[in-house]
Amino acid sequence: MGGLFLAVTAFYLIGVQPITNRVKLHRMVAGGITRAQLGEAVGVTRHTIIAIEQGHYSPSLETAFRIARHFGVGVEDVFGWEG
């Protein structure tokens, strides 16, 4: 195993989330649109939106831009990096 793999694995095992998000907040501000509606609008499943909101999955750069654009804000208004 490479050192990078081990470092990344350890990073996740200790519960540190490198990417934070405010997707749920933006959904609520946007009138409470559902995860399914957001997913359809940006081209992913509602399960992907759930995983993003819960911090279990970091979206691709393209998906992050699509989500931010859907809400009419910049990527950094929706996603943050605590690095």
PDB file of N, CA and C in Angstrom:
ATOM      1  N   MET A   1       0.839  -1.184   0.000  1.00  0.00           N
ATOM      2  CA  MET A   1       0.000   0.000   0.000  1.00  0.00           C
ATOM      3  C   MET A   1       0.885   1.249   0.000  1.00  0.00           C
ATOM      4  N   GLY A   2       0.467   2.225  -0.749  1.00  0.00           N
ATOM      5  CA  GLY A   2       1.223   3.460  -0.796  1.00  0.00           C
ATOM      6  C   GLY A   2       0.951   4.340   0.408  1.00  0.00           C
ATOM      7  N   GLY A   3       1.864   5.216   0.689  1.00  0.00           N
ATOM      8  CA  GLY A   3       1.715   6.119   1.823  1.00  0.00           C
ATOM      9  C   GLY A   3       0.513   7.029   1.706  1.00  0.00           C
ATOM     10  N   LEU A   4       0.228   7.488   0.473  1.00  0.00           N
ATOM     11  CA  LEU A   4      -0.922   8.370   0.272  1.00  0.00           C
ATOM     12  C   LEU A   4      -2.210   7.637   0.607  1.00  0.00           C
ATOM     13  N   PHE A   5      -2.346   6.381   0.162  1.00  0.00           N
ATOM     14  CA  PHE A   5      -3.539   5.593   0.462  1.00  0.00           C
ATOM     15  C   PHE A   5      -3.735   5.483   1.964  1.00  0.00           C
ATOM     16  N   LEU A   6      -2.672   5.166   2.674  1.00  0.00           N
ATOM     17  CA  LEU A   6      -2.766   5.014   4.125  1.00  0.00           C
ATOM     18  C   LEU A   6      -3.117   6.326   4.799  1.00  0.00           C
ATOM     19  N   ALA A   7      -2.557   7.416   4.325  1.00  0.00           N
ATOM     20  CA  ALA A   7      -2.854   8.723   4.909  1.00  0.00           C
ATOM     21  C   ALA A   7      -4.313   9.093   4.688  1.00  0.00           C
ATOM     22  N   VAL A   8      -4.819   8.854   3.487  1.00  0.00           N
ATOM     23  CA  VAL A   8      -6.218   9.165   3.187  1.00  0.00           C
ATOM     24  C   VAL A   8      -7.141   8.270   4.002  1.00  0.00           C
ATOM     25  N   THR A   9      -6.815   6.983   4.093  1.00  0.00           N
ATOM     26  CA  THR A   9      -7.627   6.061   4.891  1.00  0.00           C
ATOM     27  C   THR A   9      -7.667   6.500   6.342  1.00  0.00           C
ATOM     28  N   ALA A  10      -6.522   6.841   6.907  1.00  0.00           N
ATOM     29  CA  ALA A  10      -6.473   7.293   8.297  1.00  0.00           C
ATOM     30  C   ALA A  10      -7.271   8.568   8.476  1.00  0.00           C
ATOM     31  N   PHE A  11      -7.216   9.456   7.507  1.00  0.00           N
ATOM     32  CA  PHE A  11      -7.940  10.714   7.553  1.00  0.00           C
ATOM     33  C   PHE A  11      -9.438  10.460   7.735  1.00  0.00           C
ATOM     34  N   TYR A  12      -9.970   9.507   6.981  1.00  0.00           N
ATOM     35  CA  TYR A  12     -11.399   9.197   7.064  1.00  0.00           C
ATOM     36  C   TYR A  12     -11.739   8.386   8.305  1.00  0.00           C
ATOM     37  N   LEU A  13     -10.862   7.528   8.743  1.00  0.00           N
ATOM     38  CA  LEU A  13     -11.138   6.703   9.905  1.00  0.00           C
ATOM     39  C   LEU A  13     -11.246   7.523  11.181  1.00  0.00           C
ATOM     40  N   ILE A  14     -10.527   8.631  11.267  1.00  0.00           N
ATOM     41  CA  ILE A  14     -10.607   9.445  12.476  1.00  0.00           C
ATOM     42  C   ILE A  14     -11.761  10.439  12.413  1.00  0.00           C
ATOM     43  N   GLY A  15     -12.544  10.397  11.343  1.00  0.00           N
ATOM     44  CA  GLY A  15     -13.760  11.187  11.276  1.00  0.00           C
ATOM     45  C   GLY A  15     -13.603  12.614  10.806  1.00  0.00           C
ATOM     46  N   VAL A  16     -12.497  12.953  10.205  1.00  0.00           N
ATOM     47  CA  VAL A  16     -12.293  14.308   9.707  1.00  0.00           C
ATOM     48  C   VAL A  16     -12.914  14.412   8.319  1.00  0.00           C
ATOM     49  N   GLN A  17     -13.763  15.384   8.129  1.00  0.00           N
ATOM     50  CA  GLN A  17     -14.386  15.589   6.831  1.00  0.00           C
ATOM     51  C   GLN A  17     -13.670  16.725   6.118  1.00  0.00           C
ATOM     52  N   PRO A  18     -12.956  16.410   5.048  1.00  0.00           N
ATOM     53  CA  PRO A  18     -12.205  17.456   4.370  1.00  0.00           C
ATOM     54  C   PRO A  18     -13.098  18.477   3.667  1.00  0.00           C
ATOM     55  N   ILE A  19     -14.256  18.052   3.204  1.00  0.00           N
ATOM     56  CA  ILE A  19     -15.169  18.953   2.504  1.00  0.00           C
ATOM     57  C   ILE A  19     -16.427  19.115   3.339  1.00  0.00           C
ATOM     58  N   THR A  20     -16.767  20.346   3.658  1.00  0.00           N
ATOM     59  CA  THR A  20     -18.013  20.628   4.365  1.00  0.00           C
ATOM     60  C   THR A  20     -19.018  21.145   3.336  1.00  0.00           C
ATOM     61  N   ASN A  21     -20.286  21.107   3.707  1.00  0.00           N
ATOM     62  CA  ASN A  21     -21.277  21.619   2.764  1.00  0.00           C
ATOM     63  C   ASN A  21     -22.489  22.186   3.479  1.00  0.00           C
ATOM     64  N   ARG A  22     -23.180  23.054   2.766  1.00  0.00           N
ATOM     65  CA  ARG A  22     -24.406  23.677   3.241  1.00  0.00           C
ATOM     66  C   ARG A  22     -25.549  23.391   2.260  1.00  0.00           C
ATOM     67  N   VAL A  23     -25.525  22.192   1.672  1.00  0.00           N
ATOM     68  CA  VAL A  23     -26.526  21.847   0.666  1.00  0.00           C
ATOM     69  C   VAL A  23     -27.922  21.855   1.278  1.00  0.00           C
ATOM     70  N   LYS A  24     -28.087  21.226   2.434  1.00  0.00           N
ATOM     71  CA  LYS A  24     -29.415  21.176   3.063  1.00  0.00           C
ATOM     72  C   LYS A  24     -29.922  22.584   3.370  1.00  0.00           C
ATOM     73  N   LEU A  25     -29.057  23.443   3.897  1.00  0.00           N
ATOM     74  CA  LEU A  25     -29.445  24.828   4.190  1.00  0.00           C
ATOM     75  C   LEU A  25     -29.942  25.517   2.923  1.00  0.00           C
ATOM     76  N   HIS A  26     -29.216  25.364   1.830  1.00  0.00           N
ATOM     77  CA  HIS A  26     -29.628  26.000   0.582  1.00  0.00           C
ATOM     78  C   HIS A  26     -30.927  25.401   0.047  1.00  0.00           C
ATOM     79  N   ARG A  27     -31.138  24.105   0.257  1.00  0.00           N
ATOM     80  CA  ARG A  27     -32.418  23.509  -0.157  1.00  0.00           C
ATOM     81  C   ARG A  27     -33.574  24.126   0.616  1.00  0.00           C
ATOM     82  N   MET A  28     -33.374  24.325   1.916  1.00  0.00           N
ATOM     83  CA  MET A  28     -34.435  24.898   2.760  1.00  0.00           C
ATOM     84  C   MET A  28     -34.703  26.359   2.379  1.00  0.00           C
ATOM     85  N   VAL A  29     -33.646  27.117   2.159  1.00  0.00           N
ATOM     86  CA  VAL A  29     -33.792  28.521   1.759  1.00  0.00           C
ATOM     87  C   VAL A  29     -34.496  28.632   0.408  1.00  0.00           C
ATOM     88  N   ALA A  30     -34.276  27.632  -0.438  1.00  0.00           N
ATOM     89  CA  ALA A  30     -34.888  27.630  -1.774  1.00  0.00           C
ATOM     90  C   ALA A  30     -36.326  27.104  -1.743  1.00  0.00           C
ATOM     91  N   GLY A  31     -36.940  27.157  -0.599  1.00  0.00           N
ATOM     92  CA  GLY A  31     -38.343  26.756  -0.506  1.00  0.00           C
ATOM     93  C   GLY A  31     -38.551  25.304  -0.136  1.00  0.00           C
ATOM     94  N   GLY A  32     -37.504  24.673   0.365  1.00  0.00           N
ATOM     95  CA  GLY A  32     -37.640  23.292   0.804  1.00  0.00           C
ATOM     96  C   GLY A  32     -37.715  22.290  -0.328  1.00  0.00           C
ATOM     97  N   ILE A  33     -36.967  22.536  -1.396  1.00  0.00           N
ATOM     98  CA  ILE A  33     -36.979  21.563  -2.487  1.00  0.00           C
ATOM     99  C   ILE A  33     -36.452  20.230  -1.965  1.00  0.00           C
ATOM    100  N   THR A  34     -36.940  19.152  -2.524  1.00  0.00           N
ATOM    101  CA  THR A  34     -36.541  17.828  -2.055  1.00  0.00           C
ATOM    102  C   THR A  34     -35.173  17.453  -2.603  1.00  0.00           C
ATOM    103  N   ARG A  35     -34.612  16.442  -1.989  1.00  0.00           N
ATOM    104  CA  ARG A  35     -33.334  15.921  -2.478  1.00  0.00           C
ATOM    105  C   ARG A  35     -33.491  15.373  -3.889  1.00  0.00           C
ATOM    106  N   ALA A  36     -34.623  14.743  -4.137  1.00  0.00           N
ATOM    107  CA  ALA A  36     -34.893  14.197  -5.474  1.00  0.00           C
ATOM    108  C   ALA A  36     -34.973  15.316  -6.509  1.00  0.00           C
ATOM    109  N   GLN A  37     -35.627  16.421  -6.156  1.00  0.00           N
ATOM    110  CA  GLN A  37     -35.734  17.555  -7.083  1.00  0.00           C
ATOM    111  C   GLN A  37     -34.370  18.152  -7.371  1.00  0.00           C
ATOM    112  N   LEU A  38     -33.547  18.318  -6.335  1.00  0.00           N
ATOM    113  CA  LEU A  38     -32.207  18.859  -6.539  1.00  0.00           C
ATOM    114  C   LEU A  38     -31.375  17.903  -7.378  1.00  0.00           C
ATOM    115  N   GLY A  39     -31.436  16.624  -7.048  1.00  0.00           N
ATOM    116  CA  GLY A  39     -30.688  15.637  -7.810  1.00  0.00           C
ATOM    117  C   GLY A  39     -31.056  15.656  -9.284  1.00  0.00           C
ATOM    118  N   GLU A  40     -32.358  15.716  -9.568  1.00  0.00           N
ATOM    119  CA  GLU A  40     -32.803  15.762 -10.962  1.00  0.00           C
ATOM    120  C   GLU A  40     -32.298  17.022 -11.655  1.00  0.00           C
ATOM    121  N   ALA A  41     -32.314  18.132 -10.944  1.00  0.00           N
ATOM    122  CA  ALA A  41     -31.890  19.406 -11.525  1.00  0.00           C
ATOM    123  C   ALA A  41     -30.403  19.434 -11.864  1.00  0.00           C
ATOM    124  N   VAL A  42     -29.597  18.704 -11.087  1.00  0.00           N
ATOM    125  CA  VAL A  42     -28.143  18.755 -11.304  1.00  0.00           C
ATOM    126  C   VAL A  42     -27.586  17.470 -11.910  1.00  0.00           C
ATOM    127  N   GLY A  43     -28.452  16.490 -12.157  1.00  0.00           N
ATOM    128  CA  GLY A  43     -28.018  15.290 -12.857  1.00  0.00           C
ATOM    129  C   GLY A  43     -27.444  14.172 -12.008  1.00  0.00           C
ATOM    130  N   VAL A  44     -27.873  14.092 -10.747  1.00  0.00           N
ATOM    131  CA  VAL A  44     -27.459  12.979  -9.882  1.00  0.00           C
ATOM    132  C   VAL A  44     -28.698  12.411  -9.195  1.00  0.00           C
ATOM    133  N   THR A  45     -28.529  11.300  -8.492  1.00  0.00           N
ATOM    134  CA  THR A  45     -29.659  10.699  -7.790  1.00  0.00           C
ATOM    135  C   THR A  45     -29.887  11.373  -6.445  1.00  0.00           C
ATOM    136  N   ARG A  46     -31.066  11.151  -5.888  1.00  0.00           N
ATOM    137  CA  ARG A  46     -31.340  11.689  -4.547  1.00  0.00           C
ATOM    138  C   ARG A  46     -30.413  11.043  -3.531  1.00  0.00           C
ATOM    139  N   HIS A  47     -30.005   9.804  -3.788  1.00  0.00           N
ATOM    140  CA  HIS A  47     -29.078   9.122  -2.885  1.00  0.00           C
ATOM    141  C   HIS A  47     -27.721   9.830  -2.855  1.00  0.00           C
ATOM    142  N   THR A  48     -27.305  10.353  -3.993  1.00  0.00           N
ATOM    143  CA  THR A  48     -26.058  11.113  -4.042  1.00  0.00           C
ATOM    144  C   THR A  48     -26.187  12.392  -3.229  1.00  0.00           C
ATOM    145  N   ILE A  49     -27.325  13.078  -3.356  1.00  0.00           N
ATOM    146  CA  ILE A  49     -27.552  14.300  -2.569  1.00  0.00           C
ATOM    147  C   ILE A  49     -27.541  13.972  -1.080  1.00  0.00           C
ATOM    148  N   ILE A  50     -28.180  12.872  -0.692  1.00  0.00           N
ATOM    149  CA  ILE A  50     -28.170  12.457   0.717  1.00  0.00           C
ATOM    150  C   ILE A  50     -26.738  12.238   1.190  1.00  0.00           C
ATOM    151  N   ALA A  51     -25.947  11.509   0.413  1.00  0.00           N
ATOM    152  CA  ALA A  51     -24.560  11.217   0.798  1.00  0.00           C
ATOM    153  C   ALA A  51     -23.726  12.490   0.901  1.00  0.00           C
ATOM    154  N   ILE A  52     -23.953  13.437  -0.009  1.00  0.00           N
ATOM    155  CA  ILE A  52     -23.234  14.718   0.040  1.00  0.00           C
ATOM    156  C   ILE A  52     -23.624  15.465   1.307  1.00  0.00           C
ATOM    157  N   GLU A  53     -24.924  15.600   1.563  1.00  0.00           N
ATOM    158  CA  GLU A  53     -25.389  16.336   2.742  1.00  0.00           C
ATOM    159  C   GLU A  53     -24.857  15.733   4.043  1.00  0.00           C
ATOM    160  N   GLN A  54     -24.771  14.424   4.099  1.00  0.00           N
ATOM    161  CA  GLN A  54     -24.321  13.747   5.320  1.00  0.00           C
ATOM    162  C   GLN A  54     -22.806  13.678   5.446  1.00  0.00           C
ATOM    163  N   GLY A  55     -22.096  14.195   4.436  1.00  0.00           N
ATOM    164  CA  GLY A  55     -20.642  14.200   4.496  1.00  0.00           C
ATOM    165  C   GLY A  55     -19.995  12.862   4.191  1.00  0.00           C
ATOM    166  N   HIS A  56     -20.770  11.934   3.616  1.00  0.00           N
ATOM    167  CA  HIS A  56     -20.219  10.626   3.265  1.00  0.00           C
ATOM    168  C   HIS A  56     -19.600  10.615   1.874  1.00  0.00           C
ATOM    169  N   TYR A  57     -19.853  11.662   1.112  1.00  0.00           N
ATOM    170  CA  TYR A  57     -19.392  11.704  -0.271  1.00  0.00           C
ATOM    171  C   TYR A  57     -19.089  13.144  -0.652  1.00  0.00           C
ATOM    172  N   SER A  58     -17.943  13.354  -1.249  1.00  0.00           N
ATOM    173  CA  SER A  58     -17.601  14.671  -1.779  1.00  0.00           C
ATOM    174  C   SER A  58     -17.915  14.664  -3.271  1.00  0.00           C
ATOM    175  N   PRO A  59     -18.701  15.622  -3.731  1.00  0.00           N
ATOM    176  CA  PRO A  59     -19.095  15.604  -5.137  1.00  0.00           C
ATOM    177  C   PRO A  59     -17.931  15.927  -6.063  1.00  0.00           C
ATOM    178  N   SER A  60     -18.094  15.536  -7.317  1.00  0.00           N
ATOM    179  CA  SER A  60     -17.118  15.937  -8.320  1.00  0.00           C
ATOM    180  C   SER A  60     -17.160  17.459  -8.432  1.00  0.00           C
ATOM    181  N   LEU A  61     -16.134  18.022  -8.994  1.00  0.00           N
ATOM    182  CA  LEU A  61     -16.097  19.467  -9.183  1.00  0.00           C
ATOM    183  C   LEU A  61     -17.277  19.924 -10.035  1.00  0.00           C
ATOM    184  N   GLU A  62     -17.568  19.173 -11.084  1.00  0.00           N
ATOM    185  CA  GLU A  62     -18.690  19.517 -11.957  1.00  0.00           C
ATOM    186  C   GLU A  62     -20.008  19.514 -11.189  1.00  0.00           C
ATOM    187  N   THR A  63     -20.245  18.497 -10.370  1.00  0.00           N
ATOM    188  CA  THR A  63     -21.488  18.435  -9.595  1.00  0.00           C
ATOM    189  C   THR A  63     -21.551  19.561  -8.575  1.00  0.00           C
ATOM    190  N   ALA A  64     -20.427  19.884  -7.955  1.00  0.00           N
ATOM    191  CA  ALA A  64     -20.400  20.991  -6.993  1.00  0.00           C
ATOM    192  C   ALA A  64     -20.789  22.300  -7.681  1.00  0.00           C
ATOM    193  N   PHE A  65     -20.255  22.533  -8.871  1.00  0.00           N
ATOM    194  CA  PHE A  65     -20.619  23.744  -9.609  1.00  0.00           C
ATOM    195  C   PHE A  65     -22.095  23.730  -9.990  1.00  0.00           C
ATOM    196  N   ARG A  66     -22.600  22.580 -10.405  1.00  0.00           N
ATOM    197  CA  ARG A  66     -24.016  22.493 -10.791  1.00  0.00           C
ATOM    198  C   ARG A  66     -24.935  22.790  -9.604  1.00  0.00           C
ATOM    199  N   ILE A  67     -24.575  22.250  -8.438  1.00  0.00           N
ATOM    200  CA  ILE A  67     -25.380  22.505  -7.232  1.00  0.00           C
ATOM    201  C   ILE A  67     -25.357  23.989  -6.892  1.00  0.00           C
ATOM    202  N   ALA A  68     -24.175  24.576  -6.862  1.00  0.00           N
ATOM    203  CA  ALA A  68     -24.063  26.004  -6.545  1.00  0.00           C
ATOM    204  C   ALA A  68     -24.819  26.850  -7.553  1.00  0.00           C
ATOM    205  N   ARG A  69     -24.662  26.552  -8.822  1.00  0.00           N
ATOM    206  CA  ARG A  69     -25.351  27.312  -9.871  1.00  0.00           C
ATOM    207  C   ARG A  69     -26.858  27.184  -9.731  1.00  0.00           C
ATOM    208  N   HIS A  70     -27.339  26.005  -9.344  1.00  0.00           N
ATOM    209  CA  HIS A  70     -28.783  25.804  -9.154  1.00  0.00           C
ATOM    210  C   HIS A  70     -29.324  26.777  -8.104  1.00  0.00           C
ATOM    211  N   PHE A  71     -28.536  27.020  -7.066  1.00  0.00           N
ATOM    212  CA  PHE A  71     -28.970  27.932  -6.006  1.00  0.00           C
ATOM    213  C   PHE A  71     -28.597  29.390  -6.291  1.00  0.00           C
ATOM    214  N   GLY A  72     -27.900  29.636  -7.378  1.00  0.00           N
ATOM    215  CA  GLY A  72     -27.538  31.001  -7.739  1.00  0.00           C
ATOM    216  C   GLY A  72     -26.447  31.597  -6.864  1.00  0.00           C
ATOM    217  N   VAL A  73     -25.561  30.725  -6.361  1.00  0.00           N
ATOM    218  CA  VAL A  73     -24.479  31.189  -5.488  1.00  0.00           C
ATOM    219  C   VAL A  73     -23.160  30.597  -5.982  1.00  0.00           C
ATOM    220  N   GLY A  74     -22.072  31.045  -5.389  1.00  0.00           N
ATOM    221  CA  GLY A  74     -20.768  30.506  -5.725  1.00  0.00           C
ATOM    222  C   GLY A  74     -20.518  29.176  -5.033  1.00  0.00           C
ATOM    223  N   VAL A  75     -19.590  28.409  -5.558  1.00  0.00           N
ATOM    224  CA  VAL A  75     -19.263  27.104  -4.992  1.00  0.00           C
ATOM    225  C   VAL A  75     -18.879  27.226  -3.523  1.00  0.00           C
ATOM    226  N   GLU A  76     -18.123  28.262  -3.178  1.00  0.00           N
ATOM    227  CA  GLU A  76     -17.681  28.419  -1.787  1.00  0.00           C
ATOM    228  C   GLU A  76     -18.805  28.815  -0.842  1.00  0.00           C
ATOM    229  N   ASP A  77     -19.956  29.205  -1.384  1.00  0.00           N
ATOM    230  CA  ASP A  77     -21.124  29.452  -0.538  1.00  0.00           C
ATOM    231  C   ASP A  77     -21.808  28.149  -0.141  1.00  0.00           C
ATOM    232  N   VAL A  78     -21.565  27.107  -0.908  1.00  0.00           N
ATOM    233  CA  VAL A  78     -22.180  25.808  -0.642  1.00  0.00           C
ATOM    234  C   VAL A  78     -21.170  24.826  -0.040  1.00  0.00           C
ATOM    235  N   PHE A  79     -19.935  24.852  -0.524  1.00  0.00           N
ATOM    236  CA  PHE A  79     -18.922  23.908  -0.085  1.00  0.00           C
ATOM    237  C   PHE A  79     -17.736  24.626   0.518  1.00  0.00           C
ATOM    238  N   GLY A  80     -17.143  23.993   1.521  1.00  0.00           N
ATOM    239  CA  GLY A  80     -15.966  24.546   2.159  1.00  0.00           C
ATOM    240  C   GLY A  80     -14.925  23.462   2.375  1.00  0.00           C
ATOM    241  N   TRP A  81     -13.702  23.878   2.572  1.00  0.00           N
ATOM    242  CA  TRP A  81     -12.618  22.941   2.839  1.00  0.00           C
ATOM    243  C   TRP A  81     -11.942  23.334   4.120  1.00  0.00           C
ATOM    244  N   GLU A  82     -11.905  22.426   5.063  1.00  0.00           N
ATOM    245  CA  GLU A  82     -11.315  22.684   6.377  1.00  0.00           C
ATOM    246  C   GLU A  82      -9.893  22.133   6.436  1.00  0.00           C
ATOM    247  N   GLY A  83      -9.103  22.440   5.411  1.00  0.00           N
ATOM    248  CA  GLY A  83      -7.754  21.869   5.346  1.00  0.00           C
ATOM    249  C   GLY A  83      -6.697  22.766   5.895  1.00  0.00           C
TER     250      GLY A  83
END
